[in-house]
Amino acid sequence: MQNQQNQTSQNMQTYQVPPNLNHGGHELFDVHEVLSGSINTLNTYMLMREFVKDPELRDILDRQYQFIQDEYNLTCECFKTGQHPSKRTQPYMMKQNNDFIYGMTPTSPKKPMQSTSEISDQFISGTMLTCCKSGASARTMAATESTNPVVRRVLAASIQNCIEMAYEISLYQNKHKYYQVPQLAQEDMQQILNSYAPAQTSPMQNNMTH
């Protein structure tokens, strides 16, 4: 029994660990998934670029590729060193406005491609959207598991950037009717919008005043 307690004490690191080793196990595995996902996204963007036909979509792809690459390098740096990266994280800035077109119009049913000759801007933009949404999910999971405060901050900032890039692509798709946005009837929408009210003074606050 005494031997087991001694072994447990030796495995517990209660002293100050150096910054490059200031990572918990969950963090290591989750950030590994984030970085691997970033590489897959960059590779996917590079492979699809030669098939892009619309100059606007190519511009979005190129700008996002450069941003994702820079963000990947920053994440790698702080993950390896455990310290602040050499430059600050920056917010992604899209060019589009925020105007969505609501409503549905008939389109041909979707089905799997039979050859690479069918690769279209619709397929490419849809793949880009999937990459950005997956990146946001992976970073959220990694950030909540990160023990290193710098890595957590970099990942948290990166989540917003993934959301912004996904939003940019969805606006592009919406404009070309690739991403259609249905709405509820106004009566149903109002019913849901009005189904919540502000919280009043909580019972806990009332108890604290007595």
Protein backbone atom coordinates (compact mmCIF):
# COMPACT_ATOMS: atom_id res chain seq x y z
CA MET A 1 0.00 0.00 0.00
CA GLN A 2 2.86 2.34 0.93
CA ASN A 3 4.60 1.59 -2.40
CA GLN A 4 1.45 2.51 -4.33
CA GLN A 5 1.21 5.85 -2.49
CA ASN A 6 4.87 6.62 -3.23
CA GLN A 7 4.36 5.79 -6.92
CA THR A 8 1.31 8.07 -7.06
CA SER A 9 3.26 10.91 -5.46
CA GLN A 10 6.06 10.56 -8.01
CA ASN A 11 3.58 10.78 -10.91
CA MET A 12 1.88 13.91 -9.57
CA GLN A 13 3.64 17.09 -10.77
CA THR A 14 2.77 19.73 -8.19
CA TYR A 15 5.77 21.96 -9.00
CA GLN A 16 5.87 24.70 -11.62
CA VAL A 17 6.33 23.07 -15.04
CA PRO A 18 8.23 24.90 -17.83
CA PRO A 19 6.01 26.71 -20.39
CA ASN A 20 6.72 24.26 -23.22
CA LEU A 21 5.43 21.39 -21.05
CA ASN A 22 2.47 23.30 -19.60
CA HIS A 23 -0.10 21.18 -21.43
CA GLY A 24 -2.56 18.64 -20.09
CA GLY A 25 -3.30 15.37 -21.85
CA HIS A 26 -6.72 16.45 -23.15
CA GLU A 27 -5.17 19.62 -24.53
CA LEU A 28 -2.43 17.72 -26.36
CA PHE A 29 -4.88 15.42 -28.11
CA ASP A 30 -7.43 18.14 -28.92
CA VAL A 31 -4.89 20.65 -30.27
CA HIS A 32 -3.37 17.81 -32.28
CA GLU A 33 -6.82 17.42 -33.89
CA VAL A 34 -7.04 21.19 -34.52
CA LEU A 35 -3.64 21.37 -36.22
CA SER A 36 -4.28 18.24 -38.28
CA GLY A 37 -7.63 19.69 -39.33
CA SER A 38 -5.97 22.95 -40.38
CA ILE A 39 -3.51 21.03 -42.56
CA ASN A 40 -6.37 19.10 -44.15
CA THR A 41 -8.25 22.35 -44.80
CA LEU A 42 -5.21 23.97 -46.40
CA ASN A 43 -4.59 20.91 -48.56
CA THR A 44 -8.25 20.82 -49.59
CA TYR A 45 -8.25 24.51 -50.52
CA MET A 46 -5.07 24.04 -52.56
CA LEU A 47 -6.46 21.03 -54.44
CA MET A 48 -9.77 22.72 -55.23
CA ARG A 49 -8.32 26.04 -56.39
CA GLU A 50 -7.60 24.88 -59.95
CA PHE A 51 -11.27 23.92 -60.38
CA VAL A 52 -12.70 27.30 -59.30
CA LYS A 53 -14.45 29.18 -62.11
CA ASP A 54 -15.85 32.28 -60.36
CA PRO A 55 -13.19 34.98 -59.67
CA GLU A 56 -15.09 36.06 -56.54
CA LEU A 57 -14.93 32.55 -55.09
CA ARG A 58 -11.23 32.30 -55.98
CA ASP A 59 -10.62 35.56 -54.11
CA ILE A 60 -12.42 34.21 -51.03
CA LEU A 61 -10.48 30.95 -51.22
CA ASP A 62 -7.11 32.71 -51.55
CA ARG A 63 -7.77 35.14 -48.70
CA GLN A 64 -9.01 32.38 -46.42
CA TYR A 65 -6.10 30.11 -47.35
CA GLN A 66 -3.56 32.77 -46.37
CA PHE A 67 -5.38 33.55 -43.13
CA ILE A 68 -5.74 29.89 -42.12
CA GLN A 69 -2.05 29.32 -42.87
CA ASP A 70 -0.99 32.28 -40.71
CA GLU A 71 -3.27 31.17 -37.90
CA TYR A 72 -1.95 27.61 -38.15
CA ASN A 73 1.61 28.91 -37.74
CA LEU A 74 0.66 30.97 -34.69
CA THR A 75 -1.09 28.02 -33.07
CA CYS A 76 1.90 25.76 -33.76
CA GLU A 77 4.24 28.30 -32.23
CA CYS A 78 2.39 28.84 -28.96
CA PHE A 79 1.62 25.10 -28.69
CA LYS A 80 5.32 24.19 -28.95
CA THR A 81 6.63 26.97 -26.70
CA GLY A 82 3.72 27.41 -24.31
CA GLN A 83 4.32 31.15 -24.57
CA HIS A 84 2.87 34.10 -26.47
CA PRO A 85 3.39 33.79 -30.24
CA SER A 86 5.68 36.20 -32.08
CA LYS A 87 2.73 38.26 -33.33
CA ARG A 88 -0.82 38.88 -32.14
CA THR A 89 -3.82 37.02 -33.48
CA GLN A 90 -5.87 39.09 -35.92
CA PRO A 91 -9.60 38.99 -36.71
CA TYR A 92 -10.63 37.74 -40.14
CA MET A 93 -12.27 40.47 -42.20
CA MET A 94 -14.65 39.47 -44.98
CA LYS A 95 -15.61 41.70 -47.92
CA GLN A 96 -19.30 40.81 -48.23
CA ASN A 97 -22.19 42.66 -46.66
CA ASN A 98 -24.56 40.85 -44.30
CA ASP A 99 -27.61 40.69 -46.56
CA PHE A 100 -29.16 37.24 -46.86
CA ILE A 101 -31.82 36.39 -49.44
CA TYR A 102 -34.67 34.55 -47.71
CA GLY A 103 -37.00 32.04 -49.31
CA MET A 104 -36.75 28.88 -51.37
CA THR A 105 -36.71 28.42 -55.14
CA PRO A 106 -36.80 25.04 -56.91
CA THR A 107 -33.43 23.47 -57.74
CA SER A 108 -32.32 20.16 -59.15
CA PRO A 109 -31.96 17.35 -56.60
CA LYS A 110 -28.41 16.86 -55.34
CA LYS A 111 -26.57 13.59 -55.88
CA PRO A 112 -22.99 12.29 -55.67
CA MET A 113 -20.66 13.18 -58.54
CA GLN A 114 -19.69 10.54 -61.07
CA SER A 115 -16.42 12.17 -62.20
CA THR A 116 -14.15 15.11 -61.41
CA SER A 117 -15.55 16.92 -64.46
CA GLU A 118 -18.62 17.64 -62.31
CA ILE A 119 -16.65 19.64 -59.74
CA SER A 120 -18.40 23.01 -59.57
CA ASP A 121 -18.23 26.25 -57.62
CA GLN A 122 -21.23 25.04 -55.66
CA PHE A 123 -19.35 21.91 -54.58
CA ILE A 124 -16.15 23.84 -53.82
CA SER A 125 -17.87 26.51 -51.73
CA GLY A 126 -19.83 23.80 -49.89
CA THR A 127 -16.61 21.96 -49.07
CA MET A 128 -15.03 25.20 -47.83
CA LEU A 129 -18.05 25.80 -45.60
CA THR A 130 -17.78 22.30 -44.14
CA CYS A 131 -14.07 22.85 -43.38
CA CYS A 132 -14.76 26.10 -41.55
CA LYS A 133 -17.62 24.67 -39.52
CA SER A 134 -15.54 21.64 -38.54
CA GLY A 135 -12.68 23.96 -37.57
CA ALA A 136 -14.96 25.98 -35.27
CA SER A 137 -16.17 22.82 -33.51
CA ALA A 138 -12.66 21.39 -33.07
CA ARG A 139 -11.29 24.65 -31.69
CA THR A 140 -14.18 25.04 -29.25
CA MET A 141 -13.55 21.57 -27.85
CA ALA A 142 -9.79 22.18 -27.64
CA ALA A 143 -10.15 25.60 -25.99
CA THR A 144 -12.37 24.24 -23.21
CA GLU A 145 -9.79 21.51 -22.51
CA SER A 146 -6.63 23.67 -22.71
CA THR A 147 -4.71 24.19 -19.48
CA ASN A 148 -2.12 26.49 -21.07
CA PRO A 149 -3.58 30.02 -20.92
CA VAL A 150 -1.86 31.24 -24.10
CA VAL A 151 -3.01 28.27 -26.17
CA ARG A 152 -6.53 28.72 -24.80
CA ARG A 153 -6.58 32.39 -25.83
CA VAL A 154 -5.25 31.71 -29.33
CA LEU A 155 -7.79 28.93 -29.86
CA ALA A 156 -10.64 31.07 -28.52
CA ALA A 157 -9.76 33.88 -30.94
CA SER A 158 -9.56 31.37 -33.76
CA ILE A 159 -13.12 30.14 -33.13
CA GLN A 160 -14.56 33.53 -34.07
CA ASN A 161 -12.44 33.58 -37.22
CA CYS A 162 -13.78 30.18 -38.31
CA ILE A 163 -17.31 31.45 -37.76
CA GLU A 164 -16.61 34.58 -39.80
CA MET A 165 -15.11 32.58 -42.69
CA ALA A 166 -18.06 30.19 -42.66
CA TYR A 167 -20.42 33.16 -42.70
CA GLU A 168 -18.58 34.67 -45.66
CA ILE A 169 -18.94 31.45 -47.64
CA SER A 170 -22.60 31.02 -46.73
CA LEU A 171 -23.29 34.57 -47.98
CA TYR A 172 -21.56 33.73 -51.26
CA GLN A 173 -23.55 30.52 -51.56
CA ASN A 174 -26.79 32.25 -50.68
CA LYS A 175 -26.27 34.84 -53.43
CA HIS A 176 -25.93 32.02 -55.98
CA LYS A 177 -28.86 30.02 -54.52
CA TYR A 178 -26.52 27.24 -53.36
CA TYR A 179 -27.45 27.96 -49.73
CA GLN A 180 -31.13 28.77 -49.48
CA VAL A 181 -32.61 30.09 -46.25
CA PRO A 182 -36.27 29.30 -45.53
CA GLN A 183 -38.25 31.37 -43.04
CA LEU A 184 -41.21 30.52 -40.84
CA ALA A 185 -44.52 32.28 -41.38
CA GLN A 186 -44.48 35.69 -39.65
CA GLU A 187 -47.10 34.59 -37.11
CA ASP A 188 -45.02 31.57 -36.12
CA MET A 189 -41.85 33.65 -36.03
CA GLN A 190 -43.47 36.23 -33.74
CA GLN A 191 -44.76 33.45 -31.49
CA ILE A 192 -41.22 32.18 -30.95
CA LEU A 193 -39.66 35.66 -30.69
CA ASN A 194 -42.16 36.65 -27.99
CA SER A 195 -41.96 33.39 -26.05
CA TYR A 196 -39.17 34.69 -23.76
CA ALA A 197 -39.09 37.56 -21.28
CA PRO A 198 -36.23 39.22 -19.35
CA ALA A 199 -35.24 37.65 -16.04
CA GLN A 200 -36.28 39.57 -12.94
CA THR A 201 -34.39 39.92 -9.65
CA SER A 202 -33.33 36.43 -8.65
CA PRO A 203 -34.37 34.80 -5.35
CA MET A 204 -30.67 34.55 -4.49
CA GLN A 205 -30.29 38.35 -4.71
CA ASN A 206 -33.35 38.83 -2.51
CA ASN A 207 -31.91 36.50 0.10
CA MET A 208 -28.57 38.34 0.07
CA THR A 209 -30.26 41.66 0.93
CA HIS A 210 -31.74 40.29 4.17
